[in-house]
Amino acid sequence: MNKINYQKELDKVILQIQKDGITPTLLLHVCCAPCSSYCLEYLSEYFNIVVFYYNPNISHKEEYEFRLSEEKRLINEMNFKNPVQIIESRYDPNEFFDVAKGLEKEPEGGKRCLECFKLRLNESCKKAHEISADYITTTLTISPLKNAQALNEIGSEYAKKYGVSWLFSDFKKREGYKRSITLSKEYNLYRQNYCGCIFSKQQAQLSENEYNKDKKR
């Protein structure tokens, strides 16, 4: 089975949009401001964007609210060709803990993460249907640590369920991740060292401790 080049799939959609001379609405599920920076810069050239902030995986509430405030600040400070607005969803961490039950010891990128993707992308596709968005996608594919194939397969499945067009993407391509780092520095964005959940935070702490031990040797 040939591996899909999701950037080329995105290129095709953008080329058609340009040919048609239209500006469709895109619901963009956002995980944090740093990851969204490049995605917003890139996609706002072609879409009217509705940022959807739904991340019940984030622990704790203070962390959730700070990441949300950074996202709002970024949107206010960046200049866009087309309008960008934000919708904040509910914050109920129990929704995440319910799907993560029994998977607490899974490594990062394992089954627990897949269930988390399903939770967030299902809700995002549902919201895209509610607001009659033309397309939906997620900033999660910009991370070198996230499985773009799994994200696109899950997202396209839920998009089909709700009758919305999934915008295939792999935002780390064409140095998108590097650009997000540059933009994060430019806007002085808070860059966390873990995905969001308490389990990823614990793993990040363990990795940091091991790194510090090695430095002392």
C-alpha atoms as a PDB file:
ATOM      1  CA  MET A   1       0.000   0.000   0.000  1.00  0.00           C
ATOM      2  CA  ASN A   2       1.475   3.345  -1.094  1.00  0.00           C
ATOM      3  CA  LYS A   3       1.986   5.973   1.571  1.00  0.00           C
ATOM      4  CA  ILE A   4      -0.199   9.033   0.977  1.00  0.00           C
ATOM      5  CA  ASN A   5       1.508  12.401   0.640  1.00  0.00           C
ATOM      6  CA  TYR A   6      -0.984  14.515   2.576  1.00  0.00           C
ATOM      7  CA  GLN A   7       0.742  17.778   1.657  1.00  0.00           C
ATOM      8  CA  LYS A   8       0.122  17.029  -2.026  1.00  0.00           C
ATOM      9  CA  GLU A   9      -3.524  16.295  -1.237  1.00  0.00           C
ATOM     10  CA  LEU A  10      -3.769  19.682   0.459  1.00  0.00           C
ATOM     11  CA  ASP A  11      -2.073  21.324  -2.530  1.00  0.00           C
ATOM     12  CA  LYS A  12      -4.770  19.929  -4.818  1.00  0.00           C
ATOM     13  CA  VAL A  13      -7.566  21.418  -2.717  1.00  0.00           C
ATOM     14  CA  ILE A  14      -5.881  24.823  -2.529  1.00  0.00           C
ATOM     15  CA  LEU A  15      -5.269  24.839  -6.285  1.00  0.00           C
ATOM     16  CA  GLN A  16      -8.959  24.119  -6.915  1.00  0.00           C
ATOM     17  CA  ILE A  17      -9.995  26.855  -4.491  1.00  0.00           C
ATOM     18  CA  GLN A  18      -7.805  29.328  -6.368  1.00  0.00           C
ATOM     19  CA  LYS A  19      -9.255  28.230  -9.708  1.00  0.00           C
ATOM     20  CA  ASP A  20     -12.799  28.601  -8.398  1.00  0.00           C
ATOM     21  CA  GLY A  21     -12.055  32.025  -6.898  1.00  0.00           C
ATOM     22  CA  ILE A  22     -13.797  31.199  -3.618  1.00  0.00           C
ATOM     23  CA  THR A  23     -12.895  31.459   0.060  1.00  0.00           C
ATOM     24  CA  PRO A  24     -14.395  28.461   1.896  1.00  0.00           C
ATOM     25  CA  THR A  25     -14.804  28.193   5.656  1.00  0.00           C
ATOM     26  CA  LEU A  26     -12.415  25.925   7.512  1.00  0.00           C
ATOM     27  CA  LEU A  27     -12.902  24.710  11.071  1.00  0.00           C
ATOM     28  CA  LEU A  28      -9.381  24.271  12.439  1.00  0.00           C
ATOM     29  CA  HIS A  29      -9.065  22.164  15.571  1.00  0.00           C
ATOM     30  CA  VAL A  30      -6.233  23.733  17.553  1.00  0.00           C
ATOM     31  CA  CYS A  31      -4.192  22.132  20.318  1.00  0.00           C
ATOM     32  CA  CYS A  32      -2.035  25.137  21.282  1.00  0.00           C
ATOM     33  CA  ALA A  33      -0.783  28.474  19.995  1.00  0.00           C
ATOM     34  CA  PRO A  34       2.711  27.347  18.895  1.00  0.00           C
ATOM     35  CA  CYS A  35       1.334  24.516  16.756  1.00  0.00           C
ATOM     36  CA  SER A  36      -1.380  26.732  15.304  1.00  0.00           C
ATOM     37  CA  SER A  37       0.948  29.609  14.386  1.00  0.00           C
ATOM     38  CA  TYR A  38       2.211  28.200  11.097  1.00  0.00           C
ATOM     39  CA  CYS A  39      -1.136  26.586  10.274  1.00  0.00           C
ATOM     40  CA  LEU A  40      -2.945  29.910  10.657  1.00  0.00           C
ATOM     41  CA  GLU A  41      -0.328  31.818   8.688  1.00  0.00           C
ATOM     42  CA  TYR A  42      -0.527  29.274   5.867  1.00  0.00           C
ATOM     43  CA  LEU A  43      -4.236  28.469   5.712  1.00  0.00           C
ATOM     44  CA  SER A  44      -5.621  31.971   6.258  1.00  0.00           C
ATOM     45  CA  GLU A  45      -4.424  32.820   2.748  1.00  0.00           C
ATOM     46  CA  TYR A  46      -7.109  30.526   1.344  1.00  0.00           C
ATOM     47  CA  PHE A  47      -9.797  30.029   4.000  1.00  0.00           C
ATOM     48  CA  ASN A  48     -12.021  31.880   6.430  1.00  0.00           C
ATOM     49  CA  ILE A  49     -10.917  30.087   9.589  1.00  0.00           C
ATOM     50  CA  VAL A  50     -12.889  29.170  12.680  1.00  0.00           C
ATOM     51  CA  VAL A  51     -10.451  27.999  15.346  1.00  0.00           C
ATOM     52  CA  PHE A  52     -12.000  25.322  17.546  1.00  0.00           C
ATOM     53  CA  TYR A  53     -10.363  24.866  20.927  1.00  0.00           C
ATOM     54  CA  TYR A  54     -11.447  21.499  22.319  1.00  0.00           C
ATOM     55  CA  ASN A  55      -8.779  19.832  24.471  1.00  0.00           C
ATOM     56  CA  PRO A  56     -10.162  17.995  27.520  1.00  0.00           C
ATOM     57  CA  ASN A  57      -6.903  16.018  27.636  1.00  0.00           C
ATOM     58  CA  ILE A  58      -4.997  18.988  29.072  1.00  0.00           C
ATOM     59  CA  SER A  59      -4.112  18.775  32.747  1.00  0.00           C
ATOM     60  CA  HIS A  60      -4.705  20.909  34.763  1.00  0.00           C
ATOM     61  CA  LYS A  61      -7.279  23.669  34.390  1.00  0.00           C
ATOM     62  CA  GLU A  62      -4.642  26.380  34.848  1.00  0.00           C
ATOM     63  CA  GLU A  63      -2.605  24.875  32.009  1.00  0.00           C
ATOM     64  CA  TYR A  64      -5.713  24.615  29.826  1.00  0.00           C
ATOM     65  CA  GLU A  65      -6.690  28.227  30.427  1.00  0.00           C
ATOM     66  CA  PHE A  66      -3.169  29.540  29.854  1.00  0.00           C
ATOM     67  CA  ARG A  67      -2.858  27.709  26.533  1.00  0.00           C
ATOM     68  CA  LEU A  68      -6.262  29.070  25.533  1.00  0.00           C
ATOM     69  CA  SER A  69      -5.243  32.634  26.454  1.00  0.00           C
ATOM     70  CA  GLU A  70      -2.081  32.255  24.358  1.00  0.00           C
ATOM     71  CA  GLU A  71      -4.173  31.091  21.403  1.00  0.00           C
ATOM     72  CA  LYS A  72      -6.455  34.108  21.710  1.00  0.00           C
ATOM     73  CA  ARG A  73      -3.473  36.454  21.997  1.00  0.00           C
ATOM     74  CA  LEU A  74      -1.870  34.976  18.902  1.00  0.00           C
ATOM     75  CA  ILE A  75      -5.051  35.412  16.862  1.00  0.00           C
ATOM     76  CA  ASN A  76      -5.323  39.029  18.013  1.00  0.00           C
ATOM     77  CA  GLU A  77      -1.693  39.837  17.211  1.00  0.00           C
ATOM     78  CA  MET A  78      -1.231  38.061  13.873  1.00  0.00           C
ATOM     79  CA  ASN A  79      -2.267  39.650  10.595  1.00  0.00           C
ATOM     80  CA  PHE A  80      -4.446  37.532   8.334  1.00  0.00           C
ATOM     81  CA  LYS A  81      -5.621  37.895   4.759  1.00  0.00           C
ATOM     82  CA  ASN A  82      -8.988  36.361   5.647  1.00  0.00           C
ATOM     83  CA  PRO A  83     -10.964  36.439   8.924  1.00  0.00           C
ATOM     84  CA  VAL A  84      -9.999  34.189  11.833  1.00  0.00           C
ATOM     85  CA  GLN A  85     -12.300  33.692  14.795  1.00  0.00           C
ATOM     86  CA  ILE A  86     -12.228  31.314  17.741  1.00  0.00           C
ATOM     87  CA  ILE A  87     -14.783  29.044  19.397  1.00  0.00           C
ATOM     88  CA  GLU A  88     -13.959  27.719  22.843  1.00  0.00           C
ATOM     89  CA  SER A  89     -15.560  24.371  23.634  1.00  0.00           C
ATOM     90  CA  ARG A  90     -16.304  22.988  27.103  1.00  0.00           C
ATOM     91  CA  TYR A  91     -13.522  21.805  29.378  1.00  0.00           C
ATOM     92  CA  ASP A  92     -14.303  18.502  31.061  1.00  0.00           C
ATOM     93  CA  PRO A  93     -11.160  16.406  31.679  1.00  0.00           C
ATOM     94  CA  ASN A  94     -13.332  13.444  32.643  1.00  0.00           C
ATOM     95  CA  GLU A  95     -14.134  13.054  28.954  1.00  0.00           C
ATOM     96  CA  PHE A  96     -10.459  12.317  28.357  1.00  0.00           C
ATOM     97  CA  PHE A  97     -10.001  10.111  31.423  1.00  0.00           C
ATOM     98  CA  ASP A  98     -12.998   8.018  30.323  1.00  0.00           C
ATOM     99  CA  VAL A  99     -11.400   7.146  26.967  1.00  0.00           C
ATOM    100  CA  ALA A 100      -7.943   6.724  28.555  1.00  0.00           C
ATOM    101  CA  LYS A 101      -9.178   4.249  31.166  1.00  0.00           C
ATOM    102  CA  GLY A 102      -7.069   1.094  31.085  1.00  0.00           C
ATOM    103  CA  LEU A 103      -4.511   2.768  28.817  1.00  0.00           C
ATOM    104  CA  GLU A 104      -2.732   4.827  31.445  1.00  0.00           C
ATOM    105  CA  LYS A 105       0.570   2.967  31.019  1.00  0.00           C
ATOM    106  CA  GLU A 106       0.591   3.144  27.236  1.00  0.00           C
ATOM    107  CA  PRO A 107       3.632   4.937  25.789  1.00  0.00           C
ATOM    108  CA  GLU A 108       3.264   8.277  24.054  1.00  0.00           C
ATOM    109  CA  GLY A 109       1.982   7.707  20.538  1.00  0.00           C
ATOM    110  CA  GLY A 110       0.276   4.449  21.535  1.00  0.00           C
ATOM    111  CA  LYS A 111      -3.351   3.382  21.944  1.00  0.00           C
ATOM    112  CA  ARG A 112      -4.153   6.062  24.517  1.00  0.00           C
ATOM    113  CA  CYS A 113      -3.159   8.797  22.060  1.00  0.00           C
ATOM    114  CA  LEU A 114      -5.317   7.243  19.346  1.00  0.00           C
ATOM    115  CA  GLU A 115      -8.333   7.325  21.657  1.00  0.00           C
ATOM    116  CA  CYS A 116      -7.536  10.949  22.479  1.00  0.00           C
ATOM    117  CA  PHE A 117      -7.388  11.790  18.757  1.00  0.00           C
ATOM    118  CA  LYS A 118     -10.762  10.134  18.242  1.00  0.00           C
ATOM    119  CA  LEU A 119     -12.312  12.069  21.116  1.00  0.00           C
ATOM    120  CA  ARG A 120     -11.125  15.464  19.937  1.00  0.00           C
ATOM    121  CA  LEU A 121     -11.644  14.936  16.225  1.00  0.00           C
ATOM    122  CA  ASN A 122     -15.136  13.510  16.640  1.00  0.00           C
ATOM    123  CA  GLU A 123     -16.199  16.598  18.605  1.00  0.00           C
ATOM    124  CA  SER A 124     -14.480  18.885  16.094  1.00  0.00           C
ATOM    125  CA  CYS A 125     -16.210  17.290  13.113  1.00  0.00           C
ATOM    126  CA  LYS A 126     -19.510  17.562  14.948  1.00  0.00           C
ATOM    127  CA  LYS A 127     -18.912  21.287  15.493  1.00  0.00           C
ATOM    128  CA  ALA A 128     -17.897  21.728  11.845  1.00  0.00           C
ATOM    129  CA  HIS A 129     -21.256  20.256  10.839  1.00  0.00           C
ATOM    130  CA  GLU A 130     -23.099  22.528  13.296  1.00  0.00           C
ATOM    131  CA  ILE A 131     -21.564  25.695  11.855  1.00  0.00           C
ATOM    132  CA  SER A 132     -21.806  24.446   8.239  1.00  0.00           C
ATOM    133  CA  ALA A 133     -18.037  24.656   7.670  1.00  0.00           C
ATOM    134  CA  ASP A 134     -16.866  23.609   4.222  1.00  0.00           C
ATOM    135  CA  TYR A 135     -13.757  21.859   5.550  1.00  0.00           C
ATOM    136  CA  ILE A 136     -12.234  20.656   8.779  1.00  0.00           C
ATOM    137  CA  THR A 137      -8.699  19.726   9.829  1.00  0.00           C
ATOM    138  CA  THR A 138      -6.400  19.786  12.876  1.00  0.00           C
ATOM    139  CA  THR A 139      -3.086  21.380  13.810  1.00  0.00           C
ATOM    140  CA  LEU A 140      -1.975  18.108  15.411  1.00  0.00           C
ATOM    141  CA  THR A 141      -0.228  16.921  12.242  1.00  0.00           C
ATOM    142  CA  ILE A 142       2.431  19.617  12.643  1.00  0.00           C
ATOM    143  CA  SER A 143       4.060  17.734  15.511  1.00  0.00           C
ATOM    144  CA  PRO A 144       6.967  15.423  14.597  1.00  0.00           C
ATOM    145  CA  LEU A 145       5.731  13.203  17.442  1.00  0.00           C
ATOM    146  CA  LYS A 146       2.214  12.762  16.018  1.00  0.00           C
ATOM    147  CA  ASN A 147       1.194  10.133  13.470  1.00  0.00           C
ATOM    148  CA  ALA A 148      -0.156  12.122  10.517  1.00  0.00           C
ATOM    149  CA  GLN A 149      -1.535   9.028   8.823  1.00  0.00           C
ATOM    150  CA  ALA A 150      -3.541   8.013  11.886  1.00  0.00           C
ATOM    151  CA  LEU A 151      -4.820  11.565  12.378  1.00  0.00           C
ATOM    152  CA  ASN A 152      -5.951  11.870   8.760  1.00  0.00           C
ATOM    153  CA  GLU A 153      -7.611   8.463   8.771  1.00  0.00           C
ATOM    154  CA  ILE A 154      -9.481   9.186  12.013  1.00  0.00           C
ATOM    155  CA  GLY A 155     -10.396  12.715  10.970  1.00  0.00           C
ATOM    156  CA  SER A 156     -11.666  11.727   7.519  1.00  0.00           C
ATOM    157  CA  GLU A 157     -13.778   8.967   9.059  1.00  0.00           C
ATOM    158  CA  TYR A 158     -15.543  11.337  11.456  1.00  0.00           C
ATOM    159  CA  ALA A 159     -15.841  14.053   8.823  1.00  0.00           C
ATOM    160  CA  LYS A 160     -17.674  11.582   6.597  1.00  0.00           C
ATOM    161  CA  LYS A 161     -19.934  10.705   9.531  1.00  0.00           C
ATOM    162  CA  TYR A 162     -20.981  14.343   9.933  1.00  0.00           C
ATOM    163  CA  GLY A 163     -21.067  15.206   6.235  1.00  0.00           C
ATOM    164  CA  VAL A 164     -18.079  17.577   6.231  1.00  0.00           C
ATOM    165  CA  SER A 165     -15.042  17.573   3.920  1.00  0.00           C
ATOM    166  CA  TRP A 166     -11.833  16.587   5.660  1.00  0.00           C
ATOM    167  CA  LEU A 167      -8.818  18.680   4.656  1.00  0.00           C
ATOM    168  CA  PHE A 168      -5.914  16.244   4.495  1.00  0.00           C
ATOM    169  CA  SER A 169      -2.703  17.695   5.882  1.00  0.00           C
ATOM    170  CA  ASP A 170       0.752  17.057   7.222  1.00  0.00           C
ATOM    171  CA  PHE A 171       1.767  20.504   8.403  1.00  0.00           C
ATOM    172  CA  LYS A 172       5.260  19.441   9.432  1.00  0.00           C
ATOM    173  CA  LYS A 173       6.086  19.164   5.714  1.00  0.00           C
ATOM    174  CA  ARG A 174       7.867  22.023   3.915  1.00  0.00           C
ATOM    175  CA  GLU A 175       9.490  22.933   7.222  1.00  0.00           C
ATOM    176  CA  GLY A 176       6.145  23.829   8.782  1.00  0.00           C
ATOM    177  CA  TYR A 177       7.318  22.705  12.208  1.00  0.00           C
ATOM    178  CA  LYS A 178      10.475  24.839  11.918  1.00  0.00           C
ATOM    179  CA  ARG A 179       8.350  27.801  10.900  1.00  0.00           C
ATOM    180  CA  SER A 180       6.141  27.304  13.960  1.00  0.00           C
ATOM    181  CA  ILE A 181       9.232  27.543  16.170  1.00  0.00           C
ATOM    182  CA  THR A 182      10.243  30.794  14.472  1.00  0.00           C
ATOM    183  CA  LEU A 183       6.758  32.253  14.871  1.00  0.00           C
ATOM    184  CA  SER A 184       6.624  31.136  18.511  1.00  0.00           C
ATOM    185  CA  LYS A 185       9.776  33.120  19.197  1.00  0.00           C
ATOM    186  CA  GLU A 186       8.489  36.101  17.218  1.00  0.00           C
ATOM    187  CA  TYR A 187       5.261  36.250  19.233  1.00  0.00           C
ATOM    188  CA  ASN A 188       6.896  35.113  22.485  1.00  0.00           C
ATOM    189  CA  LEU A 189       4.523  32.157  22.799  1.00  0.00           C
ATOM    190  CA  TYR A 190       4.511  29.724  25.677  1.00  0.00           C
ATOM    191  CA  ARG A 191       5.911  26.408  24.393  1.00  0.00           C
ATOM    192  CA  GLN A 192       5.073  23.482  26.643  1.00  0.00           C
ATOM    193  CA  ASN A 193       7.312  20.398  26.766  1.00  0.00           C
ATOM    194  CA  TYR A 194       4.472  17.875  26.759  1.00  0.00           C
ATOM    195  CA  CYS A 195       1.338  17.266  24.716  1.00  0.00           C
ATOM    196  CA  GLY A 196      -1.169  18.065  27.420  1.00  0.00           C
ATOM    197  CA  CYS A 197      -2.347  15.092  29.443  1.00  0.00           C
ATOM    198  CA  ILE A 198      -1.003  14.101  32.847  1.00  0.00           C
ATOM    199  CA  PHE A 199       0.536  10.968  31.359  1.00  0.00           C
ATOM    200  CA  SER A 200       2.539  12.846  28.737  1.00  0.00           C
ATOM    201  CA  LYS A 201       3.602  15.303  31.441  1.00  0.00           C
ATOM    202  CA  GLN A 202       4.899  12.453  33.592  1.00  0.00           C
ATOM    203  CA  GLN A 203       6.807  10.974  30.665  1.00  0.00           C
ATOM    204  CA  ALA A 204       8.316  14.371  29.824  1.00  0.00           C
ATOM    205  CA  GLN A 205       9.438  14.732  33.433  1.00  0.00           C
ATOM    206  CA  LEU A 206      11.052  11.284  33.396  1.00  0.00           C
ATOM    207  CA  SER A 207      12.888  12.107  30.166  1.00  0.00           C
ATOM    208  CA  GLU A 208      14.096  15.389  31.639  1.00  0.00           C
ATOM    209  CA  ASN A 209      15.330  13.634  34.784  1.00  0.00           C
ATOM    210  CA  GLU A 210      17.227  11.077  32.698  1.00  0.00           C
ATOM    211  CA  TYR A 211      18.746  13.864  30.614  1.00  0.00           C
ATOM    212  CA  ASN A 212      19.894  15.721  33.714  1.00  0.00           C
ATOM    213  CA  LYS A 213      21.441  12.516  35.115  1.00  0.00           C
ATOM    214  CA  ASP A 214      23.388  11.980  31.906  1.00  0.00           C
ATOM    215  CA  LYS A 215      24.695  15.554  32.014  1.00  0.00           C
ATOM    216  CA  LYS A 216      26.077  14.991  35.508  1.00  0.00           C
ATOM    217  CA  ARG A 217      27.975  11.844  34.516  1.00  0.00           C
END
